[in-house]
Amino acid sequence: WTSCAPLNIRRHQSAVCELGGYLYIIGGAESWNCLNTVERYNPENNTWSLIAPMNVARRGAGVAVLDGKCWDIERGK
């Protein structure tokens, strides 16, 4: 294990995936507020960047990588 830079936005119940050598943290919640933000970690320079947000805020979702894309999968209601 090694420490890395902190996220730009504190969050819990987020989804995580690896794609193309980057780590993605997707959605989640900050306190009780659901987030639509997505952060990408670059291990080369130990930095997190905010990238394009999702169109809907989600927490507790799952993610999968398929055909070079990261898909956010929301639970059924």
PDB file of N, CA and C in Angstrom:
ATOM      1  N   TRP A   1       0.837  -1.185   0.000  1.00  0.00           N
ATOM      2  CA  TRP A   1       0.000   0.000   0.000  1.00  0.00           C
ATOM      3  C   TRP A   1       0.875   1.239   0.000  1.00  0.00           C
ATOM      4  N   THR A   2       0.336   2.260  -0.618  1.00  0.00           N
ATOM      5  CA  THR A   2       1.004   3.559  -0.615  1.00  0.00           C
ATOM      6  C   THR A   2      -0.066   4.639  -0.550  1.00  0.00           C
ATOM      7  N   SER A   3       0.263   5.735   0.062  1.00  0.00           N
ATOM      8  CA  SER A   3      -0.681   6.852   0.139  1.00  0.00           C
ATOM      9  C   SER A   3      -0.690   7.615  -1.176  1.00  0.00           C
ATOM     10  N   CYS A   4      -1.826   8.222  -1.457  1.00  0.00           N
ATOM     11  CA  CYS A   4      -1.908   9.072  -2.646  1.00  0.00           C
ATOM     12  C   CYS A   4      -2.547  10.392  -2.250  1.00  0.00           C
ATOM     13  N   ALA A   5      -2.556  11.321  -3.176  1.00  0.00           N
ATOM     14  CA  ALA A   5      -3.130  12.642  -2.932  1.00  0.00           C
ATOM     15  C   ALA A   5      -4.610  12.513  -2.564  1.00  0.00           C
ATOM     16  N   PRO A   6      -5.129  13.446  -1.760  1.00  0.00           N
ATOM     17  CA  PRO A   6      -6.550  13.396  -1.409  1.00  0.00           C
ATOM     18  C   PRO A   6      -7.435  13.811  -2.584  1.00  0.00           C
ATOM     19  N   LEU A   7      -8.658  13.325  -2.570  1.00  0.00           N
ATOM     20  CA  LEU A   7      -9.645  13.719  -3.582  1.00  0.00           C
ATOM     21  C   LEU A   7      -9.937  15.208  -3.483  1.00  0.00           C
ATOM     22  N   ASN A   8     -10.474  15.783  -4.538  1.00  0.00           N
ATOM     23  CA  ASN A   8     -10.898  17.184  -4.521  1.00  0.00           C
ATOM     24  C   ASN A   8     -12.171  17.368  -3.703  1.00  0.00           C
ATOM     25  N   ILE A   9     -13.044  16.358  -3.705  1.00  0.00           N
ATOM     26  CA  ILE A   9     -14.313  16.402  -2.991  1.00  0.00           C
ATOM     27  C   ILE A   9     -14.409  15.174  -2.096  1.00  0.00           C
ATOM     28  N   ARG A  10     -14.615  15.405  -0.784  1.00  0.00           N
ATOM     29  CA  ARG A  10     -14.813  14.269   0.127  1.00  0.00           C
ATOM     30  C   ARG A  10     -16.098  13.561  -0.253  1.00  0.00           C
ATOM     31  N   ARG A  11     -16.090  12.234  -0.207  1.00  0.00           N
ATOM     32  CA  ARG A  11     -17.273  11.472  -0.604  1.00  0.00           C
ATOM     33  C   ARG A  11     -17.251  10.082   0.014  1.00  0.00           C
ATOM     34  N   HIS A  12     -18.424   9.495   0.120  1.00  0.00           N
ATOM     35  CA  HIS A  12     -18.566   8.106   0.518  1.00  0.00           C
ATOM     36  C   HIS A  12     -19.642   7.493  -0.374  1.00  0.00           C
ATOM     37  N   GLN A  13     -19.765   6.177  -0.356  1.00  0.00           N
ATOM     38  CA  GLN A  13     -20.703   5.434  -1.198  1.00  0.00           C
ATOM     39  C   GLN A  13     -20.494   5.718  -2.687  1.00  0.00           C
ATOM     40  N   SER A  14     -19.245   5.948  -3.064  1.00  0.00           N
ATOM     41  CA  SER A  14     -18.936   6.191  -4.471  1.00  0.00           C
ATOM     42  C   SER A  14     -18.583   4.881  -5.164  1.00  0.00           C
ATOM     43  N   ALA A  15     -18.604   4.904  -6.466  1.00  0.00           N
ATOM     44  CA  ALA A  15     -18.189   3.758  -7.279  1.00  0.00           C
ATOM     45  C   ALA A  15     -16.751   4.002  -7.733  1.00  0.00           C
ATOM     46  N   VAL A  16     -16.013   2.925  -7.942  1.00  0.00           N
ATOM     47  CA  VAL A  16     -14.603   3.027  -8.318  1.00  0.00           C
ATOM     48  C   VAL A  16     -14.317   2.057  -9.459  1.00  0.00           C
ATOM     49  N   CYS A  17     -13.540   2.518 -10.431  1.00  0.00           N
ATOM     50  CA  CYS A  17     -13.072   1.598 -11.473  1.00  0.00           C
ATOM     51  C   CYS A  17     -11.717   2.060 -11.983  1.00  0.00           C
ATOM     52  N   GLU A  18     -11.024   1.139 -12.645  1.00  0.00           N
ATOM     53  CA  GLU A  18      -9.749   1.433 -13.298  1.00  0.00           C
ATOM     54  C   GLU A  18      -9.963   1.299 -14.796  1.00  0.00           C
ATOM     55  N   LEU A  19      -9.448   2.263 -15.533  1.00  0.00           N
ATOM     56  CA  LEU A  19      -9.558   2.233 -16.986  1.00  0.00           C
ATOM     57  C   LEU A  19      -8.371   2.972 -17.578  1.00  0.00           C
ATOM     58  N   GLY A  20      -7.641   2.318 -18.435  1.00  0.00           N
ATOM     59  CA  GLY A  20      -6.522   2.958 -19.131  1.00  0.00           C
ATOM     60  C   GLY A  20      -5.417   3.461 -18.222  1.00  0.00           C
ATOM     61  N   GLY A  21      -5.219   2.800 -17.085  1.00  0.00           N
ATOM     62  CA  GLY A  21      -4.160   3.209 -16.174  1.00  0.00           C
ATOM     63  C   GLY A  21      -4.571   4.308 -15.206  1.00  0.00           C
ATOM     64  N   TYR A  22      -5.808   4.759 -15.285  1.00  0.00           N
ATOM     65  CA  TYR A  22      -6.333   5.776 -14.370  1.00  0.00           C
ATOM     66  C   TYR A  22      -7.346   5.133 -13.432  1.00  0.00           C
ATOM     67  N   LEU A  23      -7.501   5.715 -12.257  1.00  0.00           N
ATOM     68  CA  LEU A  23      -8.508   5.290 -11.298  1.00  0.00           C
ATOM     69  C   LEU A  23      -9.620   6.338 -11.305  1.00  0.00           C
ATOM     70  N   TYR A  24     -10.858   5.895 -11.384  1.00  0.00           N
ATOM     71  CA  TYR A  24     -12.006   6.798 -11.422  1.00  0.00           C
ATOM     72  C   TYR A  24     -12.851   6.625 -10.169  1.00  0.00           C
ATOM     73  N   ILE A  25     -13.227   7.731  -9.539  1.00  0.00           N
ATOM     74  CA  ILE A  25     -14.148   7.759  -8.412  1.00  0.00           C
ATOM     75  C   ILE A  25     -15.405   8.454  -8.926  1.00  0.00           C
ATOM     76  N   ILE A  26     -16.535   7.764  -8.850  1.00  0.00           N
ATOM     77  CA  ILE A  26     -17.747   8.206  -9.546  1.00  0.00           C
ATOM     78  C   ILE A  26     -18.889   8.395  -8.558  1.00  0.00           C
ATOM     79  N   GLY A  27     -19.473   9.594  -8.567  1.00  0.00           N
ATOM     80  CA  GLY A  27     -20.636   9.874  -7.733  1.00  0.00           C
ATOM     81  C   GLY A  27     -20.355   9.735  -6.259  1.00  0.00           C
ATOM     82  N   GLY A  28     -21.330   9.190  -5.534  1.00  0.00           N
ATOM     83  CA  GLY A  28     -21.231   9.052  -4.094  1.00  0.00           C
ATOM     84  C   GLY A  28     -22.018  10.153  -3.402  1.00  0.00           C
ATOM     85  N   ALA A  29     -21.674  10.398  -2.159  1.00  0.00           N
ATOM     86  CA  ALA A  29     -22.370  11.424  -1.386  1.00  0.00           C
ATOM     87  C   ALA A  29     -21.374  12.160  -0.508  1.00  0.00           C
ATOM     88  N   GLU A  30     -21.639  13.418  -0.307  1.00  0.00           N
ATOM     89  CA  GLU A  30     -20.904  14.253   0.634  1.00  0.00           C
ATOM     90  C   GLU A  30     -21.920  14.626   1.700  1.00  0.00           C
ATOM     91  N   SER A  31     -21.785  14.033   2.877  1.00  0.00           N
ATOM     92  CA  SER A  31     -22.814  14.117   3.914  1.00  0.00           C
ATOM     93  C   SER A  31     -24.068  13.461   3.347  1.00  0.00           C
ATOM     94  N   TRP A  32     -25.189  14.166   3.243  1.00  0.00           N
ATOM     95  CA  TRP A  32     -26.424  13.592   2.697  1.00  0.00           C
ATOM     96  C   TRP A  32     -26.659  14.000   1.247  1.00  0.00           C
ATOM     97  N   ASN A  33     -25.772  14.791   0.673  1.00  0.00           N
ATOM     98  CA  ASN A  33     -25.952  15.284  -0.703  1.00  0.00           C
ATOM     99  C   ASN A  33     -25.349  14.323  -1.713  1.00  0.00           C
ATOM    100  N   CYS A  34     -26.186  13.789  -2.599  1.00  0.00           N
ATOM    101  CA  CYS A  34     -25.693  12.929  -3.682  1.00  0.00           C
ATOM    102  C   CYS A  34     -24.860  13.765  -4.649  1.00  0.00           C
ATOM    103  N   LEU A  35     -23.841  13.134  -5.232  1.00  0.00           N
ATOM    104  CA  LEU A  35     -22.922  13.824  -6.137  1.00  0.00           C
ATOM    105  C   LEU A  35     -23.027  13.283  -7.559  1.00  0.00           C
ATOM    106  N   ASN A  36     -22.830  14.174  -8.520  1.00  0.00           N
ATOM    107  CA  ASN A  36     -22.724  13.749  -9.912  1.00  0.00           C
ATOM    108  C   ASN A  36     -21.285  13.896 -10.408  1.00  0.00           C
ATOM    109  N   THR A  37     -20.388  14.275  -9.526  1.00  0.00           N
ATOM    110  CA  THR A  37     -19.008  14.540  -9.926  1.00  0.00           C
ATOM    111  C   THR A  37     -18.217  13.250 -10.131  1.00  0.00           C
ATOM    112  N   VAL A  38     -17.208  13.359 -10.989  1.00  0.00           N
ATOM    113  CA  VAL A  38     -16.311  12.243 -11.294  1.00  0.00           C
ATOM    114  C   VAL A  38     -14.884  12.771 -11.190  1.00  0.00           C
ATOM    115  N   GLU A  39     -14.032  12.022 -10.495  1.00  0.00           N
ATOM    116  CA  GLU A  39     -12.624  12.393 -10.387  1.00  0.00           C
ATOM    117  C   GLU A  39     -11.760  11.279 -10.970  1.00  0.00           C
ATOM    118  N   ARG A  40     -10.665  11.695 -11.604  1.00  0.00           N
ATOM    119  CA  ARG A  40      -9.732  10.735 -12.217  1.00  0.00           C
ATOM    120  C   ARG A  40      -8.368  10.896 -11.566  1.00  0.00           C
ATOM    121  N   TYR A  41      -7.803   9.778 -11.118  1.00  0.00           N
ATOM    122  CA  TYR A  41      -6.482   9.782 -10.488  1.00  0.00           C
ATOM    123  C   TYR A  41      -5.419   9.387 -11.503  1.00  0.00           C
ATOM    124  N   ASN A  42      -4.379  10.208 -11.584  1.00  0.00           N
ATOM    125  CA  ASN A  42      -3.243   9.932 -12.456  1.00  0.00           C
ATOM    126  C   ASN A  42      -2.075   9.497 -11.579  1.00  0.00           C
ATOM    127  N   PRO A  43      -1.721   8.209 -11.600  1.00  0.00           N
ATOM    128  CA  PRO A  43      -0.631   7.737 -10.744  1.00  0.00           C
ATOM    129  C   PRO A  43       0.745   8.258 -11.161  1.00  0.00           C
ATOM    130  N   GLU A  44       0.864   8.722 -12.389  1.00  0.00           N
ATOM    131  CA  GLU A  44       2.149   9.254 -12.865  1.00  0.00           C
ATOM    132  C   GLU A  44       2.575  10.488 -12.080  1.00  0.00           C
ATOM    133  N   ASN A  45       1.606  11.360 -11.763  1.00  0.00           N
ATOM    134  CA  ASN A  45       1.949  12.587 -11.038  1.00  0.00           C
ATOM    135  C   ASN A  45       1.176  12.739  -9.725  1.00  0.00           C
ATOM    136  N   ASN A  46       0.506  11.665  -9.284  1.00  0.00           N
ATOM    137  CA  ASN A  46      -0.191  11.641  -8.000  1.00  0.00           C
ATOM    138  C   ASN A  46      -1.197  12.783  -7.865  1.00  0.00           C
ATOM    139  N   THR A  47      -2.046  12.943  -8.881  1.00  0.00           N
ATOM    140  CA  THR A  47      -3.043  14.018  -8.839  1.00  0.00           C
ATOM    141  C   THR A  47      -4.433  13.500  -9.184  1.00  0.00           C
ATOM    142  N   TRP A  48      -5.432  14.139  -8.594  1.00  0.00           N
ATOM    143  CA  TRP A  48      -6.840  13.906  -8.923  1.00  0.00           C
ATOM    144  C   TRP A  48      -7.328  15.084  -9.739  1.00  0.00           C
ATOM    145  N   SER A  49      -8.106  14.811 -10.790  1.00  0.00           N
ATOM    146  CA  SER A  49      -8.702  15.862 -11.620  1.00  0.00           C
ATOM    147  C   SER A  49     -10.203  15.641 -11.694  1.00  0.00           C
ATOM    148  N   LEU A  50     -10.957  16.725 -11.581  1.00  0.00           N
ATOM    149  CA  LEU A  50     -12.393  16.645 -11.834  1.00  0.00           C
ATOM    150  C   LEU A  50     -12.580  16.576 -13.339  1.00  0.00           C
ATOM    151  N   ILE A  51     -13.362  15.611 -13.796  1.00  0.00           N
ATOM    152  CA  ILE A  51     -13.642  15.498 -15.227  1.00  0.00           C
ATOM    153  C   ILE A  51     -15.136  15.705 -15.436  1.00  0.00           C
ATOM    154  N   ALA A  52     -15.624  15.500 -16.634  1.00  0.00           N
ATOM    155  CA  ALA A  52     -17.039  15.745 -16.941  1.00  0.00           C
ATOM    156  C   ALA A  52     -17.944  15.018 -15.948  1.00  0.00           C
ATOM    157  N   PRO A  53     -18.940  15.711 -15.393  1.00  0.00           N
ATOM    158  CA  PRO A  53     -19.841  15.080 -14.426  1.00  0.00           C
ATOM    159  C   PRO A  53     -20.865  14.176 -15.109  1.00  0.00           C
ATOM    160  N   MET A  54     -21.501  13.336 -14.306  1.00  0.00           N
ATOM    161  CA  MET A  54     -22.628  12.542 -14.799  1.00  0.00           C
ATOM    162  C   MET A  54     -23.828  13.475 -14.931  1.00  0.00           C
ATOM    163  N   ASN A  55     -24.809  13.077 -15.711  1.00  0.00           N
ATOM    164  CA  ASN A  55     -26.003  13.912 -15.863  1.00  0.00           C
ATOM    165  C   ASN A  55     -26.973  13.755 -14.698  1.00  0.00           C
ATOM    166  N   VAL A  56     -26.744  12.752 -13.846  1.00  0.00           N
ATOM    167  CA  VAL A  56     -27.599  12.500 -12.679  1.00  0.00           C
ATOM    168  C   VAL A  56     -26.697  12.184 -11.485  1.00  0.00           C
ATOM    169  N   ALA A  57     -27.008  12.754 -10.316  1.00  0.00           N
ATOM    170  CA  ALA A  57     -26.261  12.438  -9.105  1.00  0.00           C
ATOM    171  C   ALA A  57     -26.642  11.041  -8.628  1.00  0.00           C
ATOM    172  N   ARG A  58     -25.622  10.254  -8.206  1.00  0.00           N
ATOM    173  CA  ARG A  58     -25.872   8.881  -7.763  1.00  0.00           C
ATOM    174  C   ARG A  58     -24.948   8.539  -6.609  1.00  0.00           C
ATOM    175  N   ARG A  59     -25.448   7.703  -5.701  1.00  0.00           N
ATOM    176  CA  ARG A  59     -24.599   7.118  -4.669  1.00  0.00           C
ATOM    177  C   ARG A  59     -24.961   5.647  -4.554  1.00  0.00           C
ATOM    178  N   GLY A  60     -23.996   4.853  -4.153  1.00  0.00           N
ATOM    179  CA  GLY A  60     -24.238   3.426  -3.983  1.00  0.00           C
ATOM    180  C   GLY A  60     -24.410   2.660  -5.279  1.00  0.00           C
ATOM    181  N   ALA A  61     -24.019   3.235  -6.395  1.00  0.00           N
ATOM    182  CA  ALA A  61     -24.130   2.554  -7.687  1.00  0.00           C
ATOM    183  C   ALA A  61     -22.918   1.648  -7.896  1.00  0.00           C
ATOM    184  N   GLY A  62     -22.999   0.806  -8.883  1.00  0.00           N
ATOM    185  CA  GLY A  62     -21.872  -0.023  -9.273  1.00  0.00           C
ATOM    186  C   GLY A  62     -21.334   0.458 -10.609  1.00  0.00           C
ATOM    187  N   VAL A  63     -20.142   0.046 -10.937  1.00  0.00           N
ATOM    188  CA  VAL A  63     -19.568   0.389 -12.234  1.00  0.00           C
ATOM    189  C   VAL A  63     -18.967  -0.858 -12.868  1.00  0.00           C
ATOM    190  N   ALA A  64     -18.868  -0.822 -14.187  1.00  0.00           N
ATOM    191  CA  ALA A  64     -18.235  -1.897 -14.941  1.00  0.00           C
ATOM    192  C   ALA A  64     -17.517  -1.276 -16.129  1.00  0.00           C
ATOM    193  N   VAL A  65     -16.439  -1.901 -16.550  1.00  0.00           N
ATOM    194  CA  VAL A  65     -15.717  -1.454 -17.737  1.00  0.00           C
ATOM    195  C   VAL A  65     -16.063  -2.404 -18.871  1.00  0.00           C
ATOM    196  N   LEU A  66     -16.502  -1.841 -19.995  1.00  0.00           N
ATOM    197  CA  LEU A  66     -16.882  -2.624 -21.156  1.00  0.00           C
ATOM    198  C   LEU A  66     -16.523  -1.851 -22.411  1.00  0.00           C
ATOM    199  N   ASP A  67     -15.824  -2.486 -23.323  1.00  0.00           N
ATOM    200  CA  ASP A  67     -15.441  -1.873 -24.599  1.00  0.00           C
ATOM    201  C   ASP A  67     -14.746  -0.529 -24.414  1.00  0.00           C
ATOM    202  N   GLY A  68     -13.847  -0.433 -23.432  1.00  0.00           N
ATOM    203  CA  GLY A  68     -13.055   0.775 -23.231  1.00  0.00           C
ATOM    204  C   GLY A  68     -13.817   1.935 -22.621  1.00  0.00           C
ATOM    205  N   LYS A  69     -14.975   1.661 -22.026  1.00  0.00           N
ATOM    206  CA  LYS A  69     -15.757   2.706 -21.370  1.00  0.00           C
ATOM    207  C   LYS A  69     -16.134   2.235 -19.973  1.00  0.00           C
ATOM    208  N   CYS A  70     -16.277   3.193 -19.074  1.00  0.00           N
ATOM    209  CA  CYS A  70     -16.699   2.905 -17.710  1.00  0.00           C
ATOM    210  C   CYS A  70     -18.189   3.216 -17.616  1.00  0.00           C
ATOM    211  N   TRP A  71     -18.978   2.218 -17.228  1.00  0.00           N
ATOM    212  CA  TRP A  71     -20.433   2.358 -17.153  1.00  0.00           C
ATOM    213  C   TRP A  71     -20.880   2.396 -15.705  1.00  0.00           C
ATOM    214  N   ASP A  72     -21.676   3.379 -15.357  1.00  0.00           N
ATOM    215  CA  ASP A  72     -22.257   3.505 -14.017  1.00  0.00           C
ATOM    216  C   ASP A  72     -23.609   2.798 -14.038  1.00  0.00           C
ATOM    217  N   ILE A  73     -23.802   1.862 -13.115  1.00  0.00           N
ATOM    218  CA  ILE A  73     -25.002   1.046 -13.113  1.00  0.00           C
ATOM    219  C   ILE A  73     -25.784   1.342 -11.833  1.00  0.00           C
ATOM    220  N   GLU A  74     -26.957   1.887 -11.985  1.00  0.00           N
ATOM    221  CA  GLU A  74     -27.789   2.220 -10.831  1.00  0.00           C
ATOM    222  C   GLU A  74     -28.651   1.030 -10.469  1.00  0.00           C
ATOM    223  N   ARG A  75     -28.863   0.841  -9.160  1.00  0.00           N
ATOM    224  CA  ARG A  75     -29.725  -0.245  -8.692  1.00  0.00           C
ATOM    225  C   ARG A  75     -31.156   0.006  -9.149  1.00  0.00           C
ATOM    226  N   GLY A  76     -31.883  -1.074  -9.336  1.00  0.00           N
ATOM    227  CA  GLY A  76     -33.315  -0.969  -9.635  1.00  0.00           C
ATOM    228  C   GLY A  76     -34.069  -0.493  -8.403  1.00  0.00           C
ATOM    229  N   LYS A  77     -35.200   0.129  -8.605  1.00  0.00           N
ATOM    230  CA  LYS A  77     -35.973   0.664  -7.476  1.00  0.00           C
ATOM    231  C   LYS A  77     -37.126  -0.222  -7.146  1.00  0.00           C
TER     232      LYS A  77
END
